[in-house]
Amino acid sequence: MPPEQAAVGHIVSVNISETKGVRKTPLPQGELAPDVGLKGDAHSGTWHRQLSLLAQESIDYMRGLGLDVHPGDFAENVTTQGLSLHTLPIGSRLMLGAVEVEVTQIGKECHTGCAIRQQAGDCIMPRQGIFARVLNPGMVRPGDQVLLKRLGPGEG
């Protein structure tokens, strides 16, 4: 996909929790840092899953199944709208406002006894959530543009 055709979306919500496997609380803004992810979040640290993202479209799908769910309920740090996140290949680069992130993983195994699955009856993160590492520091907030900077290796 050439840059002039890069898909554009926006951030719906920035979410944080002090514990893994629980619903996250929306923030007015969040600070992202390389080798950290979202500062203050349970998933932050020097590993490949520094930041979790889920599309609002995935949440809306679960709502269509009758669940009362909202951004952050699936433990994602950043809820986006306008991009089919789970179809991006590993290595893809996104701009979240002024912060560049690289997709490192698509989906994941659900935590044993996950509070989200227990409360909601299902969890979409294992199928449609993505994970990324943060490449440069900056603040992100709802309304910031999400830009597909480039697809992963061997794509486009």
N, C-alpha and C. Protein backbone atom coordinates (compact mmCIF):
# COMPACT_ATOMS: atom_id res chain seq x y z
N MET A 1 0.86 -1.18 0.00
CA MET A 1 0.00 0.00 0.00
C MET A 1 0.90 1.23 0.00
N PRO A 2 0.90 2.01 -1.04
CA PRO A 2 1.73 3.22 -1.08
C PRO A 2 1.31 4.21 0.00
N PRO A 3 2.25 5.04 0.49
CA PRO A 3 1.94 5.98 1.55
C PRO A 3 0.75 6.88 1.25
N GLU A 4 0.58 7.27 -0.03
CA GLU A 4 -0.52 8.17 -0.36
C GLU A 4 -1.88 7.49 -0.22
N GLN A 5 -1.88 6.16 -0.07
CA GLN A 5 -3.12 5.43 0.12
C GLN A 5 -3.24 4.88 1.54
N ALA A 6 -2.38 5.31 2.45
CA ALA A 6 -2.37 4.80 3.82
C ALA A 6 -3.72 5.04 4.48
N ALA A 7 -4.21 4.01 5.14
CA ALA A 7 -5.49 4.11 5.84
C ALA A 7 -5.37 5.06 7.03
N VAL A 8 -6.41 5.80 7.28
CA VAL A 8 -6.42 6.76 8.38
C VAL A 8 -7.59 6.46 9.31
N GLY A 9 -7.33 6.56 10.58
CA GLY A 9 -8.36 6.41 11.61
C GLY A 9 -8.07 7.40 12.72
N HIS A 10 -8.63 7.14 13.88
CA HIS A 10 -8.36 8.01 15.02
C HIS A 10 -8.43 7.21 16.32
N ILE A 11 -7.87 7.79 17.37
CA ILE A 11 -7.91 7.19 18.70
C ILE A 11 -9.26 7.53 19.33
N VAL A 12 -9.94 6.51 19.80
CA VAL A 12 -11.21 6.67 20.49
C VAL A 12 -10.98 6.84 21.99
N SER A 13 -10.03 6.05 22.54
CA SER A 13 -9.81 6.05 23.98
C SER A 13 -8.39 5.60 24.29
N VAL A 14 -7.82 6.15 25.36
CA VAL A 14 -6.53 5.73 25.92
C VAL A 14 -6.86 5.18 27.31
N ASN A 15 -6.40 3.93 27.59
CA ASN A 15 -6.87 3.23 28.78
C ASN A 15 -5.72 2.64 29.59
N ILE A 16 -5.88 2.60 30.92
CA ILE A 16 -4.81 2.16 31.80
C ILE A 16 -5.35 1.30 32.94
N SER A 17 -4.51 0.39 33.44
CA SER A 17 -4.81 -0.37 34.65
C SER A 17 -3.49 -0.71 35.34
N GLU A 18 -3.57 -0.93 36.64
CA GLU A 18 -2.38 -1.29 37.41
C GLU A 18 -2.19 -2.80 37.48
N THR A 19 -3.20 -3.56 37.00
CA THR A 19 -3.17 -5.02 37.06
C THR A 19 -3.45 -5.59 35.67
N LYS A 20 -2.79 -6.70 35.33
CA LYS A 20 -3.03 -7.36 34.05
C LYS A 20 -4.34 -8.14 34.10
N GLY A 21 -4.99 -8.27 32.94
CA GLY A 21 -6.17 -9.11 32.82
C GLY A 21 -7.46 -8.51 33.35
N VAL A 22 -7.47 -7.21 33.57
CA VAL A 22 -8.69 -6.54 34.05
C VAL A 22 -9.05 -5.41 33.09
N ARG A 23 -10.30 -4.97 33.19
CA ARG A 23 -10.73 -3.83 32.38
C ARG A 23 -9.89 -2.62 32.73
N LYS A 24 -9.66 -1.78 31.74
CA LYS A 24 -8.84 -0.59 31.94
C LYS A 24 -9.73 0.65 32.04
N THR A 25 -9.20 1.67 32.69
CA THR A 25 -9.91 2.93 32.90
C THR A 25 -9.46 3.95 31.86
N PRO A 26 -10.40 4.63 31.20
CA PRO A 26 -10.04 5.65 30.22
C PRO A 26 -9.32 6.84 30.87
N LEU A 27 -8.37 7.40 30.12
CA LEU A 27 -7.60 8.58 30.53
C LEU A 27 -7.87 9.72 29.54
N PRO A 28 -7.71 10.97 29.99
CA PRO A 28 -7.82 12.08 29.03
C PRO A 28 -6.64 12.10 28.05
N GLN A 29 -5.49 11.55 28.49
CA GLN A 29 -4.31 11.41 27.64
C GLN A 29 -3.36 10.44 28.31
N GLY A 30 -2.45 9.90 27.54
CA GLY A 30 -1.47 8.97 28.08
C GLY A 30 -0.10 9.26 27.51
N GLU A 31 0.92 8.98 28.32
CA GLU A 31 2.30 9.20 27.88
C GLU A 31 2.91 7.87 27.44
N LEU A 32 3.35 7.82 26.17
CA LEU A 32 4.00 6.64 25.63
C LEU A 32 5.50 6.87 25.59
N ALA A 33 6.26 5.81 25.91
CA ALA A 33 7.71 5.91 25.91
C ALA A 33 8.33 4.63 25.36
N PRO A 34 9.44 4.77 24.61
CA PRO A 34 10.15 3.58 24.11
C PRO A 34 10.59 2.70 25.28
N ASP A 35 10.59 1.39 25.06
CA ASP A 35 10.97 0.41 26.07
C ASP A 35 10.09 0.45 27.31
N VAL A 36 8.95 1.12 27.21
CA VAL A 36 8.01 1.20 28.33
C VAL A 36 6.61 0.87 27.84
N GLY A 37 6.10 1.63 26.87
CA GLY A 37 4.71 1.54 26.46
C GLY A 37 3.96 2.69 27.09
N LEU A 38 2.78 2.42 27.64
CA LEU A 38 2.00 3.45 28.33
C LEU A 38 2.49 3.54 29.76
N LYS A 39 3.05 4.69 30.12
CA LYS A 39 3.60 4.86 31.46
C LYS A 39 2.52 4.65 32.52
N GLY A 40 2.85 3.81 33.51
CA GLY A 40 1.94 3.53 34.61
C GLY A 40 1.03 2.33 34.39
N ASP A 41 1.08 1.73 33.20
CA ASP A 41 0.20 0.60 32.91
C ASP A 41 0.85 -0.72 33.30
N ALA A 42 0.02 -1.70 33.67
CA ALA A 42 0.51 -3.02 34.08
C ALA A 42 1.32 -3.73 33.01
N HIS A 43 1.06 -3.45 31.73
CA HIS A 43 1.78 -4.12 30.64
C HIS A 43 3.05 -3.38 30.22
N SER A 44 3.32 -2.24 30.82
CA SER A 44 4.51 -1.49 30.40
C SER A 44 5.77 -2.26 30.74
N GLY A 45 6.82 -2.03 29.96
CA GLY A 45 8.09 -2.68 30.23
C GLY A 45 8.85 -3.01 28.96
N THR A 46 10.04 -3.55 29.12
CA THR A 46 10.92 -3.83 27.99
C THR A 46 10.63 -5.20 27.41
N TRP A 47 9.51 -5.31 26.73
CA TRP A 47 9.16 -6.54 26.03
C TRP A 47 8.38 -6.19 24.79
N HIS A 48 7.97 -7.18 24.01
CA HIS A 48 7.35 -6.92 22.71
C HIS A 48 5.88 -6.52 22.81
N ARG A 49 5.26 -6.66 23.98
CA ARG A 49 3.85 -6.30 24.13
C ARG A 49 3.69 -5.08 25.04
N GLN A 50 4.44 -4.03 24.73
CA GLN A 50 4.41 -2.80 25.54
C GLN A 50 3.06 -2.11 25.49
N LEU A 51 2.39 -2.20 24.36
CA LEU A 51 1.16 -1.45 24.13
C LEU A 51 0.15 -2.37 23.44
N SER A 52 -1.09 -2.37 23.94
CA SER A 52 -2.14 -3.17 23.31
C SER A 52 -3.15 -2.25 22.64
N LEU A 53 -3.63 -2.67 21.48
CA LEU A 53 -4.60 -1.89 20.72
C LEU A 53 -5.76 -2.77 20.28
N LEU A 54 -6.94 -2.20 20.25
CA LEU A 54 -8.13 -2.89 19.78
C LEU A 54 -8.98 -1.88 19.04
N ALA A 55 -9.59 -2.32 17.95
CA ALA A 55 -10.43 -1.43 17.14
C ALA A 55 -11.83 -1.32 17.76
N GLN A 56 -12.38 -0.12 17.72
CA GLN A 56 -13.76 0.11 18.17
C GLN A 56 -14.72 -0.81 17.41
N GLU A 57 -14.39 -1.10 16.16
CA GLU A 57 -15.22 -1.99 15.36
C GLU A 57 -15.33 -3.37 16.00
N SER A 58 -14.25 -3.84 16.65
CA SER A 58 -14.29 -5.13 17.35
C SER A 58 -15.19 -5.05 18.58
N ILE A 59 -15.12 -3.93 19.29
CA ILE A 59 -15.99 -3.73 20.45
C ILE A 59 -17.45 -3.66 20.00
N ASP A 60 -17.69 -2.96 18.89
CA ASP A 60 -19.05 -2.87 18.35
C ASP A 60 -19.59 -4.24 17.95
N TYR A 61 -18.72 -5.10 17.44
CA TYR A 61 -19.12 -6.46 17.10
C TYR A 61 -19.62 -7.19 18.34
N MET A 62 -18.87 -7.06 19.44
CA MET A 62 -19.27 -7.70 20.70
C MET A 62 -20.57 -7.09 21.23
N ARG A 63 -20.75 -5.80 21.06
CA ARG A 63 -22.02 -5.16 21.44
C ARG A 63 -23.17 -5.76 20.65
N GLY A 64 -22.91 -6.03 19.36
CA GLY A 64 -23.94 -6.63 18.51
C GLY A 64 -24.35 -8.02 18.98
N LEU A 65 -23.49 -8.66 19.76
CA LEU A 65 -23.81 -9.97 20.33
C LEU A 65 -24.56 -9.83 21.66
N GLY A 66 -24.81 -8.57 22.06
CA GLY A 66 -25.58 -8.33 23.28
C GLY A 66 -24.77 -7.97 24.51
N LEU A 67 -23.46 -7.83 24.37
CA LEU A 67 -22.63 -7.48 25.52
C LEU A 67 -22.60 -5.96 25.72
N ASP A 68 -22.64 -5.53 26.96
CA ASP A 68 -22.54 -4.12 27.31
C ASP A 68 -21.06 -3.82 27.57
N VAL A 69 -20.32 -3.53 26.51
CA VAL A 69 -18.87 -3.32 26.59
C VAL A 69 -18.50 -1.97 25.99
N HIS A 70 -17.37 -1.45 26.47
CA HIS A 70 -16.92 -0.11 26.10
C HIS A 70 -15.40 -0.12 25.92
N PRO A 71 -14.83 0.96 25.36
CA PRO A 71 -13.37 1.04 25.26
C PRO A 71 -12.71 0.81 26.61
N GLY A 72 -11.66 -0.01 26.60
CA GLY A 72 -10.93 -0.35 27.82
C GLY A 72 -11.42 -1.63 28.46
N ASP A 73 -12.63 -2.07 28.14
CA ASP A 73 -13.20 -3.26 28.77
C ASP A 73 -12.47 -4.55 28.39
N PHE A 74 -11.73 -4.54 27.28
CA PHE A 74 -10.98 -5.71 26.86
C PHE A 74 -9.50 -5.57 27.19
N ALA A 75 -9.19 -4.65 28.11
CA ALA A 75 -7.83 -4.42 28.62
C ALA A 75 -6.88 -3.85 27.58
N GLU A 76 -7.43 -3.20 26.54
CA GLU A 76 -6.57 -2.56 25.55
C GLU A 76 -6.15 -1.18 26.03
N ASN A 77 -4.90 -0.82 25.73
CA ASN A 77 -4.39 0.52 26.08
C ASN A 77 -4.96 1.59 25.17
N VAL A 78 -5.07 1.26 23.87
CA VAL A 78 -5.53 2.25 22.90
C VAL A 78 -6.66 1.63 22.08
N THR A 79 -7.80 2.30 22.08
CA THR A 79 -8.92 1.91 21.24
C THR A 79 -8.91 2.83 20.03
N THR A 80 -8.94 2.23 18.83
CA THR A 80 -8.89 3.02 17.60
C THR A 80 -10.18 2.83 16.82
N GLN A 81 -10.37 3.65 15.81
CA GLN A 81 -11.48 3.48 14.89
C GLN A 81 -11.01 3.82 13.49
N GLY A 82 -11.45 3.03 12.52
CA GLY A 82 -11.14 3.33 11.13
C GLY A 82 -10.12 2.42 10.49
N LEU A 83 -9.43 1.58 11.27
CA LEU A 83 -8.45 0.63 10.72
C LEU A 83 -8.79 -0.77 11.20
N SER A 84 -8.65 -1.74 10.34
CA SER A 84 -8.83 -3.14 10.72
C SER A 84 -7.49 -3.62 11.29
N LEU A 85 -7.28 -3.35 12.56
CA LEU A 85 -5.98 -3.59 13.18
C LEU A 85 -5.50 -5.04 13.06
N HIS A 86 -6.39 -5.99 13.30
CA HIS A 86 -5.98 -7.40 13.35
C HIS A 86 -5.58 -7.96 11.99
N THR A 87 -5.79 -7.20 10.93
CA THR A 87 -5.37 -7.66 9.60
C THR A 87 -3.99 -7.13 9.21
N LEU A 88 -3.41 -6.29 10.05
CA LEU A 88 -2.08 -5.73 9.76
C LEU A 88 -1.01 -6.79 9.99
N PRO A 89 -0.04 -6.90 9.12
CA PRO A 89 1.04 -7.86 9.35
C PRO A 89 2.02 -7.35 10.43
N ILE A 90 2.64 -8.29 11.10
CA ILE A 90 3.68 -7.96 12.09
C ILE A 90 4.76 -7.15 11.38
N GLY A 91 5.25 -6.13 12.05
CA GLY A 91 6.25 -5.24 11.47
C GLY A 91 5.64 -3.98 10.90
N SER A 92 4.31 -3.93 10.80
CA SER A 92 3.64 -2.71 10.31
C SER A 92 3.92 -1.57 11.28
N ARG A 93 3.99 -0.37 10.74
CA ARG A 93 4.23 0.82 11.56
C ARG A 93 3.00 1.72 11.53
N LEU A 94 2.58 2.16 12.70
CA LEU A 94 1.46 3.08 12.85
C LEU A 94 1.94 4.36 13.52
N MET A 95 1.32 5.45 13.17
CA MET A 95 1.50 6.71 13.88
C MET A 95 0.24 6.92 14.72
N LEU A 96 0.42 7.02 16.02
CA LEU A 96 -0.66 7.35 16.94
C LEU A 96 -0.40 8.80 17.33
N GLY A 97 -1.06 9.73 16.64
CA GLY A 97 -0.69 11.13 16.80
C GLY A 97 0.75 11.27 16.32
N ALA A 98 1.65 11.75 17.20
CA ALA A 98 3.06 11.93 16.85
C ALA A 98 3.94 10.76 17.29
N VAL A 99 3.33 9.70 17.82
CA VAL A 99 4.09 8.56 18.33
C VAL A 99 4.04 7.41 17.34
N GLU A 100 5.23 6.91 16.96
CA GLU A 100 5.31 5.78 16.05
C GLU A 100 5.41 4.49 16.85
N VAL A 101 4.61 3.49 16.45
CA VAL A 101 4.66 2.17 17.07
C VAL A 101 4.81 1.11 15.99
N GLU A 102 5.38 -0.03 16.36
CA GLU A 102 5.56 -1.15 15.44
C GLU A 102 4.77 -2.34 15.96
N VAL A 103 3.96 -2.92 15.09
CA VAL A 103 3.15 -4.09 15.45
C VAL A 103 4.08 -5.28 15.67
N THR A 104 3.95 -5.92 16.84
CA THR A 104 4.82 -7.04 17.20
C THR A 104 4.07 -8.36 17.33
N GLN A 105 2.75 -8.29 17.53
CA GLN A 105 1.97 -9.52 17.73
C GLN A 105 0.51 -9.24 17.40
N ILE A 106 -0.14 -10.24 16.81
CA ILE A 106 -1.57 -10.17 16.53
C ILE A 106 -2.24 -11.22 17.40
N GLY A 107 -3.18 -10.81 18.22
CA GLY A 107 -3.87 -11.73 19.12
C GLY A 107 -2.96 -12.23 20.22
N LYS A 108 -3.54 -13.02 21.12
CA LYS A 108 -2.76 -13.57 22.24
C LYS A 108 -3.58 -14.65 22.92
N GLU A 109 -2.93 -15.43 23.76
CA GLU A 109 -3.67 -16.36 24.61
C GLU A 109 -4.31 -15.55 25.72
N CYS A 110 -5.51 -15.96 26.10
CA CYS A 110 -6.22 -15.25 27.17
C CYS A 110 -5.61 -15.65 28.51
N HIS A 111 -5.52 -14.68 29.43
CA HIS A 111 -5.04 -14.97 30.78
C HIS A 111 -5.93 -16.03 31.42
N THR A 112 -5.34 -16.95 32.19
CA THR A 112 -6.13 -17.93 32.93
C THR A 112 -7.01 -17.18 33.92
N GLY A 113 -8.29 -17.49 33.91
CA GLY A 113 -9.21 -16.82 34.84
C GLY A 113 -9.39 -15.35 34.54
N CYS A 114 -9.22 -14.96 33.29
CA CYS A 114 -9.32 -13.56 32.87
C CYS A 114 -10.62 -12.93 33.35
N ALA A 115 -10.49 -11.80 34.05
CA ALA A 115 -11.66 -11.09 34.58
C ALA A 115 -12.58 -10.63 33.47
N ILE A 116 -12.02 -10.31 32.33
CA ILE A 116 -12.82 -9.81 31.21
C ILE A 116 -13.72 -10.93 30.68
N ARG A 117 -13.15 -12.11 30.46
CA ARG A 117 -13.93 -13.24 29.97
C ARG A 117 -15.00 -13.62 31.00
N GLN A 118 -14.65 -13.59 32.27
CA GLN A 118 -15.61 -13.93 33.32
C GLN A 118 -16.77 -12.93 33.35
N GLN A 119 -16.46 -11.64 33.21
CA GLN A 119 -17.48 -10.61 33.30
C GLN A 119 -18.28 -10.46 32.01
N ALA A 120 -17.60 -10.57 30.87
CA ALA A 120 -18.26 -10.31 29.59
C ALA A 120 -18.75 -11.59 28.90
N GLY A 121 -18.21 -12.73 29.30
CA GLY A 121 -18.60 -13.98 28.68
C GLY A 121 -17.74 -14.34 27.48
N ASP A 122 -17.00 -13.39 26.97
CA ASP A 122 -16.10 -13.62 25.84
C ASP A 122 -15.07 -12.50 25.85
N CYS A 123 -13.95 -12.74 25.20
CA CYS A 123 -12.92 -11.70 25.08
C CYS A 123 -12.42 -11.71 23.64
N ILE A 124 -12.48 -10.56 23.02
CA ILE A 124 -12.10 -10.45 21.60
C ILE A 124 -10.58 -10.21 21.42
N MET A 125 -9.90 -9.81 22.50
CA MET A 125 -8.46 -9.53 22.40
C MET A 125 -7.66 -10.71 21.84
N PRO A 126 -7.93 -11.95 22.25
CA PRO A 126 -7.14 -13.06 21.70
C PRO A 126 -7.26 -13.21 20.18
N ARG A 127 -8.33 -12.70 19.60
CA ARG A 127 -8.55 -12.85 18.17
C ARG A 127 -8.26 -11.57 17.38
N GLN A 128 -8.57 -10.40 17.96
CA GLN A 128 -8.48 -9.18 17.18
C GLN A 128 -7.66 -8.07 17.82
N GLY A 129 -7.12 -8.30 18.99
CA GLY A 129 -6.23 -7.32 19.59
C GLY A 129 -4.85 -7.40 18.97
N ILE A 130 -4.14 -6.28 18.97
CA ILE A 130 -2.76 -6.30 18.49
C ILE A 130 -1.86 -5.70 19.55
N PHE A 131 -0.58 -5.99 19.43
CA PHE A 131 0.41 -5.48 20.38
C PHE A 131 1.52 -4.79 19.61
N ALA A 132 2.12 -3.80 20.26
CA ALA A 132 3.14 -3.01 19.59
C ALA A 132 4.20 -2.57 20.58
N ARG A 133 5.34 -2.21 20.01
CA ARG A 133 6.38 -1.56 20.81
C ARG A 133 6.43 -0.10 20.39
N VAL A 134 6.71 0.75 21.35
CA VAL A 134 6.73 2.20 21.13
C VAL A 134 8.13 2.59 20.64
N LEU A 135 8.19 3.38 19.56
CA LEU A 135 9.47 3.75 18.95
C LEU A 135 9.96 5.15 19.32
N ASN A 136 9.05 6.05 19.69
CA ASN A 136 9.47 7.39 20.11
C ASN A 136 8.49 7.89 21.18
N PRO A 137 8.96 8.77 22.06
CA PRO A 137 8.08 9.23 23.14
C PRO A 137 7.06 10.26 22.67
N GLY A 138 5.97 10.35 23.43
CA GLY A 138 4.98 11.36 23.14
C GLY A 138 3.67 11.10 23.87
N MET A 139 2.79 12.07 23.80
CA MET A 139 1.47 11.97 24.41
C MET A 139 0.46 11.54 23.35
N VAL A 140 -0.51 10.73 23.75
CA VAL A 140 -1.62 10.35 22.88
C VAL A 140 -2.92 10.64 23.62
N ARG A 141 -3.93 11.00 22.83
CA ARG A 141 -5.22 11.34 23.44
C ARG A 141 -6.34 11.00 22.46
N PRO A 142 -7.55 10.82 22.98
CA PRO A 142 -8.68 10.60 22.09
C PRO A 142 -8.78 11.71 21.04
N GLY A 143 -9.07 11.33 19.82
CA GLY A 143 -9.17 12.28 18.71
C GLY A 143 -7.91 12.37 17.89
N ASP A 144 -6.76 11.91 18.44
CA ASP A 144 -5.52 11.91 17.66
C ASP A 144 -5.67 11.01 16.44
N GLN A 145 -5.04 11.40 15.35
CA GLN A 145 -5.07 10.64 14.11
C GLN A 145 -4.26 9.36 14.25
N VAL A 146 -4.73 8.29 13.61
CA VAL A 146 -3.98 7.05 13.50
C VAL A 146 -3.70 6.86 12.01
N LEU A 147 -2.43 6.73 11.68
CA LEU A 147 -2.00 6.62 10.29
C LEU A 147 -1.19 5.34 10.11
N LEU A 148 -1.52 4.59 9.07
CA LEU A 148 -0.72 3.42 8.72
C LEU A 148 0.48 3.93 7.95
N LYS A 149 1.62 3.94 8.61
CA LYS A 149 2.85 4.48 8.00
C LYS A 149 3.42 3.51 6.95
N ARG A 150 3.46 2.22 7.32
CA ARG A 150 3.91 1.21 6.36
C ARG A 150 3.49 -0.17 6.83
N LEU A 151 3.26 -1.06 5.87
CA LEU A 151 2.94 -2.44 6.18
C LEU A 151 4.20 -3.19 6.53
N GLY A 152 4.04 -4.31 7.19
CA GLY A 152 5.17 -5.14 7.57
C GLY A 152 5.89 -5.72 6.36
N PRO A 153 7.03 -6.38 6.59
CA PRO A 153 7.84 -6.94 5.52
C PRO A 153 7.04 -7.88 4.61
N GLY A 154 7.32 -7.77 3.33
CA GLY A 154 6.69 -8.65 2.36
C GLY A 154 5.27 -8.26 1.99
N GLU A 155 4.80 -7.15 2.50
CA GLU A 155 3.43 -6.71 2.20
C GLU A 155 3.48 -5.47 1.32
N GLY A 156 2.38 -5.25 0.61
CA GLY A 156 2.21 -4.00 -0.16
C GLY A 156 3.11 -3.90 -1.28
